[in-house]
Amino acid sequence: MPKRQTVQTGTVWEERAGYSRAVRVGDQIVVSGTTATDPDGNTVGVGDPAEQTRYILELIKSALEELDSGIEDVIRWRCYLVNADDWMAVADVMGEYFREVRPVSTLYEVSRLVGKDYLVEIEVDAIAGSGN
């Protein structure tokens, strides 16, 4: 049976809600919905969906790397936006990270996210070692 590995960031919410930033079982990796929250709990890029997206993708990249994987192994991303009109700004940043990888994707417009200043939340699935 494959070993389960987890990535914890130490936020109060992981303990309270009982979740991990990322989980790897075998070659499969799932990264939780990630927002633009710095280590002190502050929102990064207030009012700027592109900046939030870039920050989020760097957090996701770090979680993948901690599990001996990387952006190149992402096979699916899901992006939740408070305002679908922000799509192009977000798409430009997503393209910087995934243009060569070409995972499948889904974009959702949601009425709100858990933090009042969050504009974007992203989650990914990856298969370690599958990248280009």
Protein backbone atom coordinates (compact mmCIF):
# COMPACT_ATOMS: atom_id res chain seq x y z
CA MET A 1 0.00 0.00 0.00
CA PRO A 2 1.41 3.45 -0.91
CA LYS A 3 2.50 5.72 1.91
CA ARG A 4 0.49 8.90 2.57
CA GLN A 5 2.50 12.13 2.77
CA THR A 6 1.07 15.51 3.74
CA VAL A 7 2.16 19.12 3.59
CA GLN A 8 1.13 21.38 6.45
CA THR A 9 1.68 25.13 6.46
CA GLY A 10 0.90 25.60 10.14
CA THR A 11 -2.14 27.81 9.74
CA VAL A 12 -4.75 27.70 12.45
CA TRP A 13 -7.32 26.65 9.83
CA GLU A 14 -5.58 23.37 8.99
CA GLU A 15 -5.87 22.24 12.60
CA ARG A 16 -9.35 23.64 13.15
CA ALA A 17 -10.89 22.23 9.96
CA GLY A 18 -8.69 19.12 9.85
CA TYR A 19 -7.13 19.48 6.41
CA SER A 20 -3.71 19.52 4.74
CA ARG A 21 -2.30 21.94 2.16
CA ALA A 22 -1.45 18.92 0.01
CA VAL A 23 -1.63 15.13 0.16
CA ARG A 24 0.39 12.61 -1.83
CA VAL A 25 -0.48 8.93 -2.06
CA GLY A 26 1.73 7.02 -4.46
CA ASP A 27 2.22 9.30 -7.46
CA GLN A 28 -1.09 11.16 -7.01
CA ILE A 29 -0.98 14.61 -5.39
CA VAL A 30 -3.94 16.81 -4.52
CA VAL A 31 -3.44 20.40 -3.38
CA SER A 32 -6.23 22.05 -1.37
CA GLY A 33 -7.96 25.20 -2.46
CA THR A 34 -5.32 27.90 -1.95
CA THR A 35 -5.85 31.61 -1.39
CA ALA A 36 -3.44 34.55 -1.37
CA THR A 37 -2.75 34.47 2.35
CA ASP A 38 0.71 35.29 3.71
CA PRO A 39 2.25 33.54 6.74
CA ASP A 40 0.81 36.22 9.06
CA GLY A 41 -2.74 35.64 7.79
CA ASN A 42 -2.90 38.78 5.65
CA THR A 43 -4.38 38.82 2.16
CA VAL A 44 -1.79 39.43 -0.56
CA GLY A 45 -2.81 41.50 -3.58
CA VAL A 46 -5.99 43.05 -2.25
CA GLY A 47 -7.99 44.21 -5.29
CA ASP A 48 -5.56 42.58 -7.76
CA PRO A 49 -6.62 39.17 -9.10
CA ALA A 50 -3.40 38.72 -11.10
CA GLU A 51 -1.20 39.31 -8.06
CA GLN A 52 -3.34 36.95 -5.98
CA THR A 53 -3.09 34.30 -8.69
CA ARG A 54 0.70 34.58 -8.89
CA TYR A 55 1.05 34.34 -5.09
CA ILE A 56 -1.29 31.33 -4.97
CA LEU A 57 0.59 29.52 -7.71
CA GLU A 58 3.86 30.04 -5.86
CA LEU A 59 2.29 28.49 -2.74
CA ILE A 60 1.05 25.56 -4.81
CA LYS A 61 4.46 25.18 -6.46
CA SER A 62 6.12 25.03 -3.02
CA ALA A 63 3.68 22.37 -1.79
CA LEU A 64 4.30 20.27 -4.90
CA GLU A 65 8.06 20.61 -4.51
CA GLU A 66 7.83 19.54 -0.87
CA LEU A 67 6.25 16.33 -2.19
CA ASP A 68 9.02 15.81 -4.80
CA SER A 69 6.91 17.07 -7.69
CA GLY A 70 6.38 20.34 -9.53
CA ILE A 71 4.14 22.49 -11.69
CA GLU A 72 5.08 20.33 -14.69
CA ASP A 73 3.21 17.41 -13.09
CA VAL A 74 -0.14 19.22 -12.73
CA ILE A 75 -2.87 17.46 -14.69
CA ARG A 76 -5.86 19.57 -13.57
CA TRP A 77 -6.49 22.96 -12.04
CA ARG A 78 -9.69 24.50 -10.76
CA CYS A 79 -10.00 28.22 -10.27
CA TYR A 80 -12.73 29.95 -8.28
CA LEU A 81 -13.27 33.65 -8.99
CA VAL A 82 -15.54 36.07 -7.18
CA ASN A 83 -15.87 37.99 -10.46
CA ALA A 84 -15.66 36.15 -13.78
CA ASP A 85 -14.72 39.47 -15.40
CA ASP A 86 -11.28 38.96 -13.80
CA TRP A 87 -10.75 35.89 -15.98
CA MET A 88 -8.32 37.46 -18.46
CA ALA A 89 -6.02 38.82 -15.76
CA VAL A 90 -6.01 35.41 -14.09
CA ALA A 91 -5.59 33.55 -17.40
CA ASP A 92 -2.47 35.53 -18.26
CA VAL A 93 -0.81 34.44 -15.02
CA MET A 94 -2.05 30.85 -15.33
CA GLY A 95 -0.49 30.78 -18.79
CA GLU A 96 2.89 31.80 -17.37
CA TYR A 97 2.87 28.65 -15.24
CA PHE A 98 0.96 26.17 -17.40
CA ARG A 99 1.44 27.15 -21.06
CA GLU A 100 3.83 24.24 -21.65
CA VAL A 101 2.11 21.82 -19.25
CA ARG A 102 -1.45 22.14 -20.60
CA PRO A 103 -3.46 20.52 -17.79
CA VAL A 104 -7.23 20.34 -18.02
CA SER A 105 -8.97 23.21 -16.26
CA THR A 106 -12.24 24.48 -14.89
CA LEU A 107 -13.17 28.02 -13.93
CA TYR A 108 -16.02 28.79 -11.57
CA GLU A 109 -17.58 32.10 -10.63
CA VAL A 110 -18.66 31.98 -6.98
CA SER A 111 -20.66 34.43 -4.92
CA ARG A 112 -17.83 34.78 -2.41
CA LEU A 113 -14.78 33.14 -0.91
CA VAL A 114 -14.04 32.66 2.77
CA GLY A 115 -12.07 35.92 3.16
CA LYS A 116 -13.60 39.28 2.26
CA ASP A 117 -10.54 40.34 0.20
CA TYR A 118 -10.04 37.03 -1.61
CA LEU A 119 -10.73 37.28 -5.33
CA VAL A 120 -9.20 33.94 -6.39
CA GLU A 121 -8.86 30.42 -5.02
CA ILE A 122 -7.06 27.64 -6.90
CA GLU A 123 -6.70 23.89 -6.35
CA VAL A 124 -4.69 21.40 -8.39
CA ASP A 125 -4.25 17.67 -8.97
CA ALA A 126 -0.88 16.29 -10.06
CA ILE A 127 0.75 12.97 -10.92
CA ALA A 128 4.36 13.02 -9.74
CA GLY A 129 6.81 12.32 -12.52
CA SER A 130 4.28 12.82 -15.33
CA GLY A 131 5.53 16.22 -16.45
CA ASN A 132 7.24 17.29 -19.62
